[in-house]
Amino acid sequence: MKNIILFYLLNILNIFLFAQPAIDETLLGSAFCHHFSGFITKSGILQELKVDGPYTIFAPNDDALLKLPRGTIYAMSNPENEEEMLKLREFVGKYIVKGTYDIAKLKTVKELTTINNFKIVVQPGFRDTKVNGILLEHKDLKSKGALIHTVGTIFP
């Protein structure tokens, strides 16, 4: 009986100590990517990421998204037809790469291809790494099924 109780206690402890949050929870918890978290969910890509991972996400932070033309965030948050949904999926897909690329691994590659065939040029530096000329701000945020880096500017 003691072994059974110990087994269950160790499993519960393992869940609390080592479980990683879901992708959307990590984005929301970062306090920097609320809009992108909504976009990734609304686009339906989040469900795909949960099944086919792991992935690396270069998530634009809220400040970057607020620089988009007025009304863009609202329109992307509320796609009303198939065309708008496709635009949202295209936008979100530009920031997602199949595979896990932590900061150390990024220093070994020159280019990555996103899930919708957008090219990301990696520029490793001694202290900082850039993608498409944009400095990675928050690096190696771990989530279940993805590794997340944040960027302060949207990709062209």
C-alpha atoms as a PDB file:
ATOM      1  CA  MET A   1       0.000   0.000   0.000  1.00  0.00           C
ATOM      2  CA  LYS A   2       2.820   2.418   0.868  1.00  0.00           C
ATOM      3  CA  ASN A   3       4.438   1.722  -2.516  1.00  0.00           C
ATOM      4  CA  ILE A   4       1.229   2.617  -4.354  1.00  0.00           C
ATOM      5  CA  ILE A   5       0.840   5.869  -2.439  1.00  0.00           C
ATOM      6  CA  LEU A   6       4.508   6.721  -3.023  1.00  0.00           C
ATOM      7  CA  PHE A   7       4.110   5.955  -6.739  1.00  0.00           C
ATOM      8  CA  TYR A   8       1.145   8.343  -7.064  1.00  0.00           C
ATOM      9  CA  LEU A   9       2.857  11.071  -5.058  1.00  0.00           C
ATOM     10  CA  LEU A  10       5.967  10.851  -7.239  1.00  0.00           C
ATOM     11  CA  ASN A  11       3.846  11.063 -10.416  1.00  0.00           C
ATOM     12  CA  ILE A  12       1.994  14.127  -9.136  1.00  0.00           C
ATOM     13  CA  LEU A  13       5.278  15.751  -8.118  1.00  0.00           C
ATOM     14  CA  ASN A  14       6.722  14.990 -11.564  1.00  0.00           C
ATOM     15  CA  ILE A  15       3.766  16.690 -13.244  1.00  0.00           C
ATOM     16  CA  PHE A  16       4.192  19.868 -11.202  1.00  0.00           C
ATOM     17  CA  LEU A  17       7.975  20.044 -11.413  1.00  0.00           C
ATOM     18  CA  PHE A  18       8.660  18.974 -14.976  1.00  0.00           C
ATOM     19  CA  ALA A  19       5.518  19.551 -17.022  1.00  0.00           C
ATOM     20  CA  GLN A  20       5.908  22.248 -19.632  1.00  0.00           C
ATOM     21  CA  PRO A  21       3.098  24.663 -20.412  1.00  0.00           C
ATOM     22  CA  ALA A  22       1.274  24.547 -23.728  1.00  0.00           C
ATOM     23  CA  ILE A  23       2.413  26.841 -26.543  1.00  0.00           C
ATOM     24  CA  ASP A  24      -0.381  29.376 -26.058  1.00  0.00           C
ATOM     25  CA  GLU A  25       0.180  29.369 -22.279  1.00  0.00           C
ATOM     26  CA  THR A  26       3.879  30.080 -22.795  1.00  0.00           C
ATOM     27  CA  LEU A  27       3.112  32.944 -25.172  1.00  0.00           C
ATOM     28  CA  LEU A  28       0.558  34.435 -22.779  1.00  0.00           C
ATOM     29  CA  GLY A  29       2.773  33.816 -19.774  1.00  0.00           C
ATOM     30  CA  SER A  30       5.679  35.627 -21.396  1.00  0.00           C
ATOM     31  CA  ALA A  31       3.672  38.864 -20.990  1.00  0.00           C
ATOM     32  CA  PHE A  32       5.008  39.949 -24.376  1.00  0.00           C
ATOM     33  CA  CYS A  33       3.030  37.981 -26.969  1.00  0.00           C
ATOM     34  CA  HIS A  34      -0.679  38.169 -26.168  1.00  0.00           C
ATOM     35  CA  HIS A  35      -1.715  39.163 -29.696  1.00  0.00           C
ATOM     36  CA  PHE A  36       0.400  36.477 -31.385  1.00  0.00           C
ATOM     37  CA  SER A  37      -1.012  33.894 -28.993  1.00  0.00           C
ATOM     38  CA  GLY A  38      -4.486  34.864 -30.161  1.00  0.00           C
ATOM     39  CA  PHE A  39      -3.424  34.760 -33.809  1.00  0.00           C
ATOM     40  CA  ILE A  40      -1.901  31.304 -33.520  1.00  0.00           C
ATOM     41  CA  THR A  41      -5.055  30.031 -31.843  1.00  0.00           C
ATOM     42  CA  LYS A  42      -7.543  31.711 -34.229  1.00  0.00           C
ATOM     43  CA  SER A  43      -5.624  30.494 -37.290  1.00  0.00           C
ATOM     44  CA  GLY A  44      -6.026  26.858 -36.263  1.00  0.00           C
ATOM     45  CA  ILE A  45      -2.269  26.360 -36.469  1.00  0.00           C
ATOM     46  CA  LEU A  46      -2.033  25.808 -32.708  1.00  0.00           C
ATOM     47  CA  GLN A  47      -3.885  22.495 -33.014  1.00  0.00           C
ATOM     48  CA  GLU A  48      -1.534  21.392 -35.799  1.00  0.00           C
ATOM     49  CA  LEU A  49       1.506  22.283 -33.704  1.00  0.00           C
ATOM     50  CA  LYS A  50       0.250  20.149 -30.838  1.00  0.00           C
ATOM     51  CA  VAL A  51       0.165  17.099 -33.103  1.00  0.00           C
ATOM     52  CA  ASP A  52       3.155  17.459 -35.414  1.00  0.00           C
ATOM     53  CA  GLY A  53       5.849  19.024 -33.182  1.00  0.00           C
ATOM     54  CA  PRO A  54       8.395  19.934 -32.200  1.00  0.00           C
ATOM     55  CA  TYR A  55       8.638  23.436 -33.650  1.00  0.00           C
ATOM     56  CA  THR A  56      10.508  26.668 -33.125  1.00  0.00           C
ATOM     57  CA  ILE A  57       8.460  29.845 -33.045  1.00  0.00           C
ATOM     58  CA  PHE A  58       9.894  33.327 -33.592  1.00  0.00           C
ATOM     59  CA  ALA A  59       6.959  35.166 -32.029  1.00  0.00           C
ATOM     60  CA  PRO A  60       6.600  38.895 -32.671  1.00  0.00           C
ATOM     61  CA  ASN A  61       5.898  40.647 -29.402  1.00  0.00           C
ATOM     62  CA  ASP A  62       2.931  42.926 -28.827  1.00  0.00           C
ATOM     63  CA  ASP A  63       4.981  46.078 -29.421  1.00  0.00           C
ATOM     64  CA  ALA A  64       5.949  44.786 -32.879  1.00  0.00           C
ATOM     65  CA  LEU A  65       2.355  43.964 -33.759  1.00  0.00           C
ATOM     66  CA  LEU A  66       1.110  47.343 -32.578  1.00  0.00           C
ATOM     67  CA  LYS A  67       3.251  48.904 -35.329  1.00  0.00           C
ATOM     68  CA  LEU A  68       1.048  47.265 -37.973  1.00  0.00           C
ATOM     69  CA  PRO A  69      -1.410  49.547 -39.795  1.00  0.00           C
ATOM     70  CA  ARG A  70      -4.420  50.597 -37.748  1.00  0.00           C
ATOM     71  CA  GLY A  71      -7.134  47.942 -37.616  1.00  0.00           C
ATOM     72  CA  THR A  72      -4.839  45.083 -38.634  1.00  0.00           C
ATOM     73  CA  ILE A  73      -4.751  43.418 -35.217  1.00  0.00           C
ATOM     74  CA  TYR A  74      -8.534  43.555 -34.932  1.00  0.00           C
ATOM     75  CA  ALA A  75      -9.000  42.146 -38.440  1.00  0.00           C
ATOM     76  CA  MET A  76      -6.516  39.344 -37.807  1.00  0.00           C
ATOM     77  CA  SER A  77      -8.106  38.557 -34.456  1.00  0.00           C
ATOM     78  CA  ASN A  78     -11.546  38.259 -36.069  1.00  0.00           C
ATOM     79  CA  PRO A  79     -11.233  36.663 -39.514  1.00  0.00           C
ATOM     80  CA  GLU A  80     -14.661  36.853 -41.139  1.00  0.00           C
ATOM     81  CA  ASN A  81     -14.140  34.764 -44.252  1.00  0.00           C
ATOM     82  CA  GLU A  82     -11.865  32.193 -45.875  1.00  0.00           C
ATOM     83  CA  GLU A  83      -9.630  34.845 -47.478  1.00  0.00           C
ATOM     84  CA  GLU A  84      -8.953  36.569 -44.145  1.00  0.00           C
ATOM     85  CA  MET A  85      -8.294  33.189 -42.501  1.00  0.00           C
ATOM     86  CA  LEU A  86      -5.755  32.335 -45.203  1.00  0.00           C
ATOM     87  CA  LYS A  87      -4.000  35.683 -44.659  1.00  0.00           C
ATOM     88  CA  LEU A  88      -3.871  35.021 -40.926  1.00  0.00           C
ATOM     89  CA  ARG A  89      -2.460  31.514 -41.468  1.00  0.00           C
ATOM     90  CA  GLU A  90       0.121  32.926 -43.891  1.00  0.00           C
ATOM     91  CA  PHE A  91       1.155  35.602 -41.391  1.00  0.00           C
ATOM     92  CA  VAL A  92       1.464  33.191 -38.456  1.00  0.00           C
ATOM     93  CA  GLY A  93       3.224  30.545 -40.559  1.00  0.00           C
ATOM     94  CA  LYS A  94       6.051  32.988 -41.378  1.00  0.00           C
ATOM     95  CA  TYR A  95       7.233  32.674 -37.775  1.00  0.00           C
ATOM     96  CA  ILE A  96       7.150  28.889 -37.293  1.00  0.00           C
ATOM     97  CA  VAL A  97       9.908  26.430 -38.211  1.00  0.00           C
ATOM     98  CA  LYS A  98       9.717  22.643 -38.003  1.00  0.00           C
ATOM     99  CA  GLY A  99      12.272  21.335 -35.493  1.00  0.00           C
ATOM    100  CA  THR A 100      13.801  22.659 -32.311  1.00  0.00           C
ATOM    101  CA  TYR A 101      16.366  25.451 -32.667  1.00  0.00           C
ATOM    102  CA  ASP A 102      17.597  26.687 -29.328  1.00  0.00           C
ATOM    103  CA  ILE A 103      20.043  29.579 -29.253  1.00  0.00           C
ATOM    104  CA  ALA A 104      23.068  27.249 -29.415  1.00  0.00           C
ATOM    105  CA  LYS A 105      21.711  25.391 -32.456  1.00  0.00           C
ATOM    106  CA  LEU A 106      20.777  28.661 -34.183  1.00  0.00           C
ATOM    107  CA  LYS A 107      24.451  29.617 -34.106  1.00  0.00           C
ATOM    108  CA  THR A 108      25.163  26.617 -36.379  1.00  0.00           C
ATOM    109  CA  VAL A 109      22.667  27.367 -39.176  1.00  0.00           C
ATOM    110  CA  LYS A 110      22.517  30.126 -41.775  1.00  0.00           C
ATOM    111  CA  GLU A 111      18.951  29.787 -42.999  1.00  0.00           C
ATOM    112  CA  LEU A 112      15.687  28.190 -41.900  1.00  0.00           C
ATOM    113  CA  THR A 113      12.495  27.552 -43.833  1.00  0.00           C
ATOM    114  CA  THR A 114       9.154  28.130 -42.135  1.00  0.00           C
ATOM    115  CA  ILE A 115       6.100  25.902 -42.400  1.00  0.00           C
ATOM    116  CA  ASN A 116       4.854  28.013 -45.324  1.00  0.00           C
ATOM    117  CA  ASN A 117       8.237  28.163 -47.123  1.00  0.00           C
ATOM    118  CA  PHE A 118       9.287  31.624 -45.947  1.00  0.00           C
ATOM    119  CA  LYS A 119      13.069  31.935 -45.585  1.00  0.00           C
ATOM    120  CA  ILE A 120      14.549  33.090 -42.292  1.00  0.00           C
ATOM    121  CA  VAL A 121      18.186  34.194 -42.436  1.00  0.00           C
ATOM    122  CA  VAL A 122      20.033  33.490 -39.196  1.00  0.00           C
ATOM    123  CA  GLN A 123      22.845  35.828 -38.184  1.00  0.00           C
ATOM    124  CA  PRO A 124      24.623  34.442 -35.135  1.00  0.00           C
ATOM    125  CA  GLY A 125      26.683  36.872 -33.134  1.00  0.00           C
ATOM    126  CA  PHE A 126      29.085  36.487 -30.260  1.00  0.00           C
ATOM    127  CA  ARG A 127      26.528  37.713 -27.726  1.00  0.00           C
ATOM    128  CA  ASP A 128      23.327  38.105 -29.714  1.00  0.00           C
ATOM    129  CA  THR A 129      21.627  36.291 -32.545  1.00  0.00           C
ATOM    130  CA  LYS A 130      19.463  37.898 -35.214  1.00  0.00           C
ATOM    131  CA  VAL A 131      16.896  36.450 -37.595  1.00  0.00           C
ATOM    132  CA  ASN A 132      16.172  38.430 -40.755  1.00  0.00           C
ATOM    133  CA  GLY A 133      18.204  41.228 -39.194  1.00  0.00           C
ATOM    134  CA  ILE A 134      16.001  41.309 -36.073  1.00  0.00           C
ATOM    135  CA  LEU A 135      17.482  40.717 -32.644  1.00  0.00           C
ATOM    136  CA  LEU A 136      16.063  37.815 -30.653  1.00  0.00           C
ATOM    137  CA  GLU A 137      14.775  39.349 -27.426  1.00  0.00           C
ATOM    138  CA  HIS A 138      13.587  36.510 -25.215  1.00  0.00           C
ATOM    139  CA  LYS A 139      15.235  33.220 -26.065  1.00  0.00           C
ATOM    140  CA  ASP A 140      14.588  29.547 -25.446  1.00  0.00           C
ATOM    141  CA  LEU A 141      11.141  29.793 -23.853  1.00  0.00           C
ATOM    142  CA  LYS A 142      10.180  26.153 -23.513  1.00  0.00           C
ATOM    143  CA  SER A 143       6.684  24.849 -24.068  1.00  0.00           C
ATOM    144  CA  LYS A 144       5.119  21.527 -24.827  1.00  0.00           C
ATOM    145  CA  GLY A 145       5.808  20.930 -28.520  1.00  0.00           C
ATOM    146  CA  ALA A 146       7.713  24.131 -29.270  1.00  0.00           C
ATOM    147  CA  LEU A 147      10.636  26.323 -28.374  1.00  0.00           C
ATOM    148  CA  ILE A 148       9.832  30.030 -28.531  1.00  0.00           C
ATOM    149  CA  HIS A 149      11.983  33.097 -29.180  1.00  0.00           C
ATOM    150  CA  THR A 150      10.480  36.577 -29.292  1.00  0.00           C
ATOM    151  CA  VAL A 151      11.309  39.316 -31.792  1.00  0.00           C
ATOM    152  CA  GLY A 152      10.552  43.024 -31.562  1.00  0.00           C
ATOM    153  CA  THR A 153       9.780  43.616 -35.230  1.00  0.00           C
ATOM    154  CA  ILE A 154       7.562  41.798 -37.692  1.00  0.00           C
ATOM    155  CA  PHE A 155       9.213  39.996 -40.604  1.00  0.00           C
ATOM    156  CA  PRO A 156       8.965  41.784 -43.958  1.00  0.00           C
END
